[in-house]
Amino acid sequence: MTKITRTHLIKAIVAEEMRLLDQSTVNTESYAKTLGEAYKQWEHKASDELCLRYNKINNNTVTVSMLSHDA
């Protein structure tokens, strides 16, 4: 299995949130701002919260103990 890090989880979660945005109401400037805000939000979440959200998105069973340290 590929090593999974907090960074991997954060990027996957943020990508999903951005995918779900209503594209008809988002311009380039607001998209960039929203992306940055989403990344900051998830960057400060606890690892167990990241795992829960990641698992919900990907129908997976990643646990905190399975996470590798970010390099």
Protein backbone atom coordinates (compact mmCIF):
# COMPACT_ATOMS: atom_id res chain seq x y z
CA MET A 1 0.00 0.00 0.00
CA THR A 2 1.21 3.51 -0.80
CA LYS A 3 2.28 5.57 2.20
CA ILE A 4 -0.42 8.05 3.12
CA THR A 5 0.41 11.30 4.87
CA ARG A 6 -1.64 14.12 6.36
CA THR A 7 -0.67 16.19 3.31
CA HIS A 8 -2.13 13.51 1.02
CA LEU A 9 -5.39 13.51 2.98
CA ILE A 10 -5.61 17.32 3.02
CA LYS A 11 -5.03 17.60 -0.72
CA ALA A 12 -7.64 14.93 -1.47
CA ILE A 13 -10.22 16.55 0.82
CA VAL A 14 -9.64 20.05 -0.56
CA ALA A 15 -9.79 18.76 -4.14
CA GLU A 16 -13.17 17.17 -3.41
CA GLU A 17 -14.50 20.34 -1.78
CA MET A 18 -13.38 22.41 -4.76
CA ARG A 19 -14.96 19.92 -7.17
CA LEU A 20 -18.27 20.31 -5.36
CA LEU A 21 -18.31 24.12 -5.64
CA ASP A 22 -21.04 25.68 -7.70
CA GLN A 23 -18.93 26.62 -10.72
CA SER A 24 -21.53 29.08 -11.99
CA THR A 25 -20.93 31.38 -9.01
CA VAL A 26 -17.13 31.13 -8.82
CA ASN A 27 -14.71 33.29 -10.75
CA THR A 28 -10.93 32.85 -10.88
CA GLU A 29 -10.24 35.22 -8.00
CA SER A 30 -12.84 33.75 -5.65
CA TYR A 31 -11.79 30.22 -6.62
CA ALA A 32 -8.18 30.93 -5.60
CA LYS A 33 -9.34 32.50 -2.33
CA THR A 34 -11.67 29.60 -1.56
CA LEU A 35 -8.93 27.10 -2.36
CA GLY A 36 -6.52 28.79 0.04
CA GLU A 37 -9.13 29.02 2.79
CA ALA A 38 -10.10 25.37 2.40
CA TYR A 39 -6.47 24.26 2.57
CA LYS A 40 -5.85 26.33 5.72
CA GLN A 41 -9.01 24.98 7.32
CA TRP A 42 -8.10 21.34 6.78
CA GLU A 43 -4.40 21.88 7.53
CA HIS A 44 -5.34 22.67 11.14
CA LYS A 45 -7.75 19.77 11.67
CA ALA A 46 -6.83 16.79 13.82
CA SER A 47 -5.62 13.67 12.03
CA ASP A 48 -8.69 11.69 13.10
CA GLU A 49 -10.96 14.31 11.48
CA LEU A 50 -8.89 14.13 8.29
CA CYS A 51 -9.18 10.34 8.24
CA LEU A 52 -12.95 10.46 8.77
CA ARG A 53 -13.50 12.93 5.91
CA TYR A 54 -11.05 11.14 3.59
CA ASN A 55 -12.73 7.80 4.29
CA LYS A 56 -16.15 9.27 3.61
CA ILE A 57 -15.01 10.70 0.27
CA ASN A 58 -13.13 7.60 -0.87
CA ASN A 59 -15.12 4.87 0.86
CA ASN A 60 -11.94 3.80 2.61
CA THR A 61 -10.72 2.79 6.07
CA VAL A 62 -7.58 4.87 6.67
CA THR A 63 -6.74 5.29 10.36
CA VAL A 64 -4.41 7.69 12.12
CA SER A 65 -2.03 4.82 12.91
CA MET A 66 -1.66 4.14 9.18
CA LEU A 67 -0.42 7.65 8.39
CA SER A 68 3.24 8.16 7.55
CA HIS A 69 5.10 11.25 8.67
CA ASP A 70 5.29 14.11 6.19
CA ALA A 71 8.79 14.58 4.84
